[in-house]
């Protein structure tokens, strides 16, 4: 591992994925990659940058199939993980996942036709177990629907991590109701925002509808506003490697360069790095 590769590189990537080419996928998968991105592939990218730890997010297109993720956690203690699971999962299964390195559940709700009822008995039990284990709930949903999701989750008393800047409305990223709801959630002291997948902010279908479009300006705008409004102790950074849908346009070097352009002060990025280490590793 070469820390001299980039002296100010983050020590932790808080949002990355691994998968195999023949992995089972969900019937609702929005894309099916024709390649593999293994744990070893990710570690090679991390080592080239001097990054020590990574948090593996459950992959939306894999649905509730977490076997690949659990195996990666068991083999490489530099990883932590969040799993996409249903509310029927029992405590014994969650405790075994925790022993393997799982630290939370991921609610992958983007592109969903409807949202779960988080006040139902099944979800109330799941969220209580998540809280009792000291885990968090990772939320991925389009910004306009964030208020419907955040209110019941906050009421359940769980800690939250919101993916991809909260997916604010591309037409009004700083003024949309979802962005305001996210800021209010951060103010509770139980919510973090991930500066990840900035290239996805033009919209969940932009990878297909506008594959050559601007990938950075919305992220730069929102990152600057979040820093001023939230501060470094509620922000996390993630690469979203291997940039599914944007593989031909992006690389690990490129997303790190974008991050540095959003937040050019290395001291600021170092503080965000410490936030990630405290939250996921310490």
Protein backbone atom coordinates (compact mmCIF):
# COMPACT_ATOMS: atom_id res chain seq x y z
CA UNK A 1 0.00 0.00 0.00
CA UNK A 2 1.48 3.32 -1.08
CA UNK A 3 0.49 6.30 1.03
CA UNK A 4 2.83 8.37 -1.17
CA UNK A 5 0.53 7.74 -4.15
CA UNK A 6 -1.61 10.66 -2.98
CA UNK A 7 -0.67 12.17 0.35
CA UNK A 8 -4.09 13.72 0.85
CA UNK A 9 -6.16 10.74 -0.35
CA UNK A 10 -8.87 9.66 2.10
CA UNK A 11 -8.06 6.68 4.29
CA UNK A 12 -11.58 5.29 3.85
CA UNK A 13 -13.90 4.93 0.88
CA UNK A 14 -17.38 4.90 2.40
CA UNK A 15 -19.26 3.66 -0.68
CA UNK A 16 -18.04 1.01 -3.11
CA UNK A 17 -19.30 -2.20 -4.65
CA UNK A 18 -17.95 -5.60 -5.60
CA UNK A 19 -19.66 -8.25 -7.73
CA UNK A 20 -19.11 -11.19 -10.04
CA UNK A 21 -20.13 -11.45 -13.68
CA UNK A 22 -22.49 -14.38 -13.05
CA UNK A 23 -24.11 -13.06 -9.86
CA UNK A 24 -27.89 -13.50 -9.56
CA UNK A 25 -29.68 -10.21 -10.21
CA UNK A 26 -33.06 -8.86 -9.25
CA UNK A 27 -35.89 -8.94 -11.82
CA UNK A 28 -36.07 -5.15 -11.33
CA UNK A 29 -32.36 -4.60 -12.06
CA UNK A 30 -31.89 -1.30 -13.89
CA UNK A 31 -28.69 -2.56 -15.54
CA UNK A 32 -26.79 -5.86 -15.65
CA UNK A 33 -23.00 -5.42 -15.88
CA UNK A 34 -21.22 -7.79 -18.27
CA UNK A 35 -18.04 -7.81 -16.19
CA UNK A 36 -16.82 -8.59 -12.67
CA UNK A 37 -15.40 -6.19 -10.11
CA UNK A 38 -13.95 -8.34 -7.38
CA UNK A 39 -12.79 -7.53 -3.88
CA UNK A 40 -9.24 -7.88 -5.18
CA UNK A 41 -9.97 -5.38 -7.98
CA UNK A 42 -11.23 -2.86 -5.45
CA UNK A 43 -8.29 -3.43 -3.12
CA UNK A 44 -5.88 -2.83 -6.00
CA UNK A 45 -7.57 0.52 -6.72
CA UNK A 46 -7.46 1.42 -3.03
CA UNK A 47 -3.81 0.45 -2.67
CA UNK A 48 -2.86 2.56 -5.69
CA UNK A 49 -4.33 5.58 -3.88
CA UNK A 50 -3.23 4.72 -0.35
CA UNK A 51 -6.79 4.08 0.85
CA UNK A 52 -6.91 1.64 3.77
CA UNK A 53 -10.59 0.81 4.35
CA UNK A 54 -13.76 0.58 2.29
CA UNK A 55 -17.45 0.19 3.04
CA UNK A 56 -19.16 -2.18 0.61
CA UNK A 57 -22.75 -1.19 -0.10
CA UNK A 58 -25.33 -3.78 -0.98
CA UNK A 59 -25.77 -3.68 -4.76
CA UNK A 60 -29.22 -2.57 -5.91
CA UNK A 61 -29.31 -4.88 -8.92
CA UNK A 62 -28.57 -7.92 -6.72
CA UNK A 63 -31.63 -7.39 -4.54
CA UNK A 64 -31.44 -9.43 -1.34
CA UNK A 65 -28.61 -11.64 -2.59
CA UNK A 66 -25.82 -10.75 -0.15
CA UNK A 67 -23.64 -13.87 -0.42
CA UNK A 68 -20.95 -12.17 -2.52
CA UNK A 69 -20.78 -9.30 -0.04
CA UNK A 70 -20.57 -11.52 3.03
CA UNK A 71 -17.75 -13.55 1.47
CA UNK A 72 -15.78 -10.37 0.72
CA UNK A 73 -16.18 -9.22 4.32
CA UNK A 74 -15.04 -12.58 5.66
CA UNK A 75 -11.94 -12.64 3.47
CA UNK A 76 -10.83 -9.02 3.86
CA UNK A 77 -10.98 -7.30 7.23
CA UNK A 78 -10.32 -3.95 5.57
CA UNK A 79 -13.96 -3.96 4.49
CA UNK A 80 -17.20 -3.15 6.30
CA UNK A 81 -20.59 -3.69 4.68
CA UNK A 82 -24.25 -2.79 4.49
CA UNK A 83 -26.75 -5.39 3.30
CA UNK A 84 -30.02 -5.12 1.41
CA UNK A 85 -32.39 -7.30 3.40
CA UNK A 86 -36.10 -7.76 3.97
CA UNK A 87 -37.87 -7.00 7.24
CA UNK A 88 -38.31 -10.70 7.95
CA UNK A 89 -34.62 -11.22 8.85
CA UNK A 90 -34.22 -12.51 12.41
CA UNK A 91 -31.79 -11.43 15.12
CA UNK A 92 -29.57 -14.51 14.80
CA UNK A 93 -28.92 -13.79 11.11
CA UNK A 94 -28.17 -10.14 11.83
CA UNK A 95 -25.77 -11.04 14.64
CA UNK A 96 -23.88 -13.43 12.33
CA UNK A 97 -23.70 -10.68 9.69
CA UNK A 98 -22.32 -8.33 12.31
CA UNK A 99 -19.60 -10.84 13.21
CA UNK A 100 -18.64 -10.94 9.51
CA UNK A 101 -18.24 -7.16 9.33
CA UNK A 102 -21.71 -5.88 8.47
CA UNK A 103 -22.49 -2.51 10.07
CA UNK A 104 -25.91 -1.59 8.67
CA UNK A 105 -28.72 -2.23 6.25
CA UNK A 106 -29.24 -0.47 2.95
CA UNK A 107 -32.71 0.62 1.88
CA UNK A 108 -32.33 0.68 -1.90
CA UNK A 109 -35.50 2.55 -2.84
CA UNK A 110 -34.36 4.49 -5.91
CA UNK A 111 -36.41 3.62 -8.99
CA UNK A 112 -38.99 1.82 -6.80
CA UNK A 113 -42.62 2.19 -7.77
CA UNK A 114 -43.74 2.32 -4.14
CA UNK A 115 -42.18 2.76 -0.70
CA UNK A 116 -42.39 0.28 2.18
CA UNK A 117 -44.57 0.96 5.20
CA UNK A 118 -41.91 1.58 7.82
CA UNK A 119 -44.57 1.72 10.54
CA UNK A 120 -45.64 -1.88 9.88
CA UNK A 121 -44.90 -4.48 12.55
CA UNK A 122 -42.24 -6.18 10.42
CA UNK A 123 -40.32 -2.98 9.81
CA UNK A 124 -40.73 -1.77 13.39
CA UNK A 125 -39.06 -5.01 14.56
CA UNK A 126 -36.29 -4.75 11.98
CA UNK A 127 -35.52 -1.13 12.80
CA UNK A 128 -35.48 -1.89 16.53
CA UNK A 129 -32.99 -4.72 15.92
CA UNK A 130 -30.85 -2.42 13.79
CA UNK A 131 -30.87 0.14 16.58
CA UNK A 132 -30.07 -2.43 19.27
CA UNK A 133 -27.10 -3.74 17.27
CA UNK A 134 -25.67 -0.24 16.93
CA UNK A 135 -26.09 -0.41 13.14
CA UNK A 136 -27.33 2.34 10.84
CA UNK A 137 -29.81 2.55 7.98
CA UNK A 138 -28.33 3.57 4.64
CA UNK A 139 -30.93 5.29 2.47
CA UNK A 140 -30.89 5.47 -1.32
CA UNK A 141 -33.94 7.22 -2.78
CA UNK A 142 -34.72 10.13 -5.06
CA UNK A 143 -34.73 13.46 -3.25
CA UNK A 144 -38.41 14.32 -3.74
CA UNK A 145 -39.35 11.16 -1.82
CA UNK A 146 -36.88 11.66 1.04
CA UNK A 147 -39.40 13.26 3.43
CA UNK A 148 -41.65 10.17 3.23
CA UNK A 149 -38.70 7.97 4.17
CA UNK A 150 -36.83 10.06 6.72
CA UNK A 151 -39.75 10.87 9.02
CA UNK A 152 -40.61 7.27 10.01
CA UNK A 153 -36.94 6.23 10.19
CA UNK A 154 -36.08 9.09 12.53
CA UNK A 155 -39.13 8.23 14.62
CA UNK A 156 -37.74 4.68 14.94
CA UNK A 157 -34.60 6.07 16.57
CA UNK A 158 -32.06 4.65 14.10
CA UNK A 159 -28.95 6.41 12.79
CA UNK A 160 -29.11 7.27 9.09
CA UNK A 161 -26.65 7.61 6.23
CA UNK A 162 -28.07 9.16 3.07
CA UNK A 163 -26.47 8.10 -0.20
CA UNK A 164 -25.37 10.25 -3.12
CA UNK A 165 -25.93 13.76 -1.70
CA UNK A 166 -29.60 12.84 -1.12
CA UNK A 167 -30.26 12.69 -4.89
CA UNK A 168 -31.57 16.29 -4.94
CA UNK A 169 -33.87 17.38 -7.75
CA UNK A 170 -31.53 18.28 -10.66
CA UNK A 171 -33.83 21.16 -11.60
CA UNK A 172 -33.53 22.78 -8.14
CA UNK A 173 -30.94 20.89 -6.08
CA UNK A 174 -30.72 23.35 -3.19
CA UNK A 175 -34.39 24.29 -3.05
CA UNK A 176 -36.17 20.96 -3.32
CA UNK A 177 -38.17 19.66 -0.37
CA UNK A 178 -36.06 16.53 -0.12
CA UNK A 179 -32.88 18.52 0.35
CA UNK A 180 -34.49 20.57 3.12
CA UNK A 181 -35.75 17.37 4.77
CA UNK A 182 -32.23 15.93 4.64
CA UNK A 183 -30.76 19.00 6.31
CA UNK A 184 -33.41 18.81 9.03
CA UNK A 185 -32.52 15.15 9.58
CA UNK A 186 -28.83 16.05 9.93
CA UNK A 187 -29.79 18.62 12.55
CA UNK A 188 -31.14 15.80 14.75
CA UNK A 189 -27.57 14.56 15.22
CA UNK A 190 -28.46 11.09 13.92
CA UNK A 191 -27.97 11.54 10.19
CA UNK A 192 -24.93 11.64 7.87
CA UNK A 193 -24.76 12.56 4.18
CA UNK A 194 -22.53 10.75 1.73
CA UNK A 195 -20.62 12.71 -0.90
CA UNK A 196 -20.74 9.75 -3.24
CA UNK A 197 -21.90 9.17 -6.79
CA UNK A 198 -21.74 12.84 -7.70
CA UNK A 199 -21.89 11.77 -11.33
CA UNK A 200 -25.38 10.37 -10.67
CA UNK A 201 -26.87 13.71 -9.63
CA UNK A 202 -28.11 14.67 -13.14
CA UNK A 203 -30.76 11.96 -12.55
CA UNK A 204 -31.15 8.22 -12.09
CA UNK A 205 -31.69 7.73 -15.83
CA UNK A 206 -29.06 10.22 -17.03
CA UNK A 207 -26.51 7.45 -17.60
CA UNK A 208 -28.78 6.33 -20.46
CA UNK A 209 -30.60 9.52 -21.50
CA UNK A 210 -27.57 11.85 -21.48
CA UNK A 211 -24.45 9.67 -21.38
CA UNK A 212 -22.13 12.50 -22.44
CA UNK A 213 -23.64 15.18 -20.20
CA UNK A 214 -22.08 17.24 -17.41
CA UNK A 215 -21.36 14.95 -14.46
CA UNK A 216 -19.86 17.35 -11.96
CA UNK A 217 -21.49 20.77 -11.68
CA UNK A 218 -24.48 19.75 -9.53
CA UNK A 219 -22.23 17.79 -7.18
CA UNK A 220 -19.86 20.73 -6.83
CA UNK A 221 -22.73 23.08 -6.01
CA UNK A 222 -24.31 20.74 -3.47
CA UNK A 223 -21.00 19.75 -1.85
CA UNK A 224 -20.10 23.36 -1.18
CA UNK A 225 -23.51 24.06 0.30
CA UNK A 226 -23.41 20.95 2.47
CA UNK A 227 -19.99 21.84 3.82
CA UNK A 228 -21.17 25.32 4.79
CA UNK A 229 -24.48 24.12 6.24
CA UNK A 230 -23.58 20.74 7.77
CA UNK A 231 -19.85 20.81 8.47
CA UNK A 232 -17.36 18.00 8.22
CA UNK A 233 -18.58 15.91 11.15
CA UNK A 234 -21.74 14.81 9.30
CA UNK A 235 -20.23 14.23 5.85
CA UNK A 236 -18.71 11.07 4.38
CA UNK A 237 -16.98 10.42 1.05
CA UNK A 238 -17.40 7.43 -1.24
CA UNK A 239 -16.19 6.59 -4.73
CA UNK A 240 -19.17 4.47 -5.85
CA UNK A 241 -16.64 2.27 -7.66
CA UNK A 242 -16.84 0.72 -10.19
CA UNK A 243 -19.19 3.50 -11.42
CA UNK A 244 -21.84 1.22 -12.90
CA UNK A 245 -23.37 2.82 -15.98
CA UNK A 246 -20.44 5.24 -16.29
CA UNK A 247 -17.53 2.82 -16.61
CA UNK A 248 -16.41 4.28 -19.95
CA UNK A 249 -16.22 7.82 -18.59
CA UNK A 250 -14.89 7.41 -15.06
CA UNK A 251 -12.01 5.92 -13.13
CA UNK A 252 -10.97 5.89 -9.49
CA UNK A 253 -8.49 8.68 -10.25
CA UNK A 254 -11.26 10.73 -11.85
CA UNK A 255 -13.69 10.51 -8.94
CA UNK A 256 -10.94 11.44 -6.50
CA UNK A 257 -10.08 14.43 -8.69
CA UNK A 258 -13.74 15.48 -8.63
CA UNK A 259 -13.84 15.20 -4.84
CA UNK A 260 -10.76 17.41 -4.55
CA UNK A 261 -12.32 19.96 -6.89
CA UNK A 262 -15.56 20.12 -4.85
CA UNK A 263 -13.65 20.57 -1.59
CA UNK A 264 -10.17 21.90 -2.45
CA UNK A 265 -8.96 22.38 1.14
CA UNK A 266 -7.07 19.19 2.15
CA UNK A 267 -7.78 19.92 5.82
CA UNK A 268 -11.50 19.78 5.13
CA UNK A 269 -11.16 16.45 3.37
CA UNK A 270 -9.00 15.13 6.21
CA UNK A 271 -11.74 16.00 8.70
CA UNK A 272 -14.33 14.20 6.57
CA UNK A 273 -11.99 11.22 6.44
CA UNK A 274 -11.81 11.17 10.25
CA UNK A 275 -15.60 11.26 10.37
CA UNK A 276 -15.74 8.14 8.20
CA UNK A 277 -13.15 6.33 10.28
CA UNK A 278 -14.98 7.15 13.52
CA UNK A 279 -18.34 6.07 12.12
CA UNK A 280 -17.37 2.83 10.38
CA UNK A 281 -14.08 1.63 11.90
CA UNK A 282 -13.44 2.99 15.41
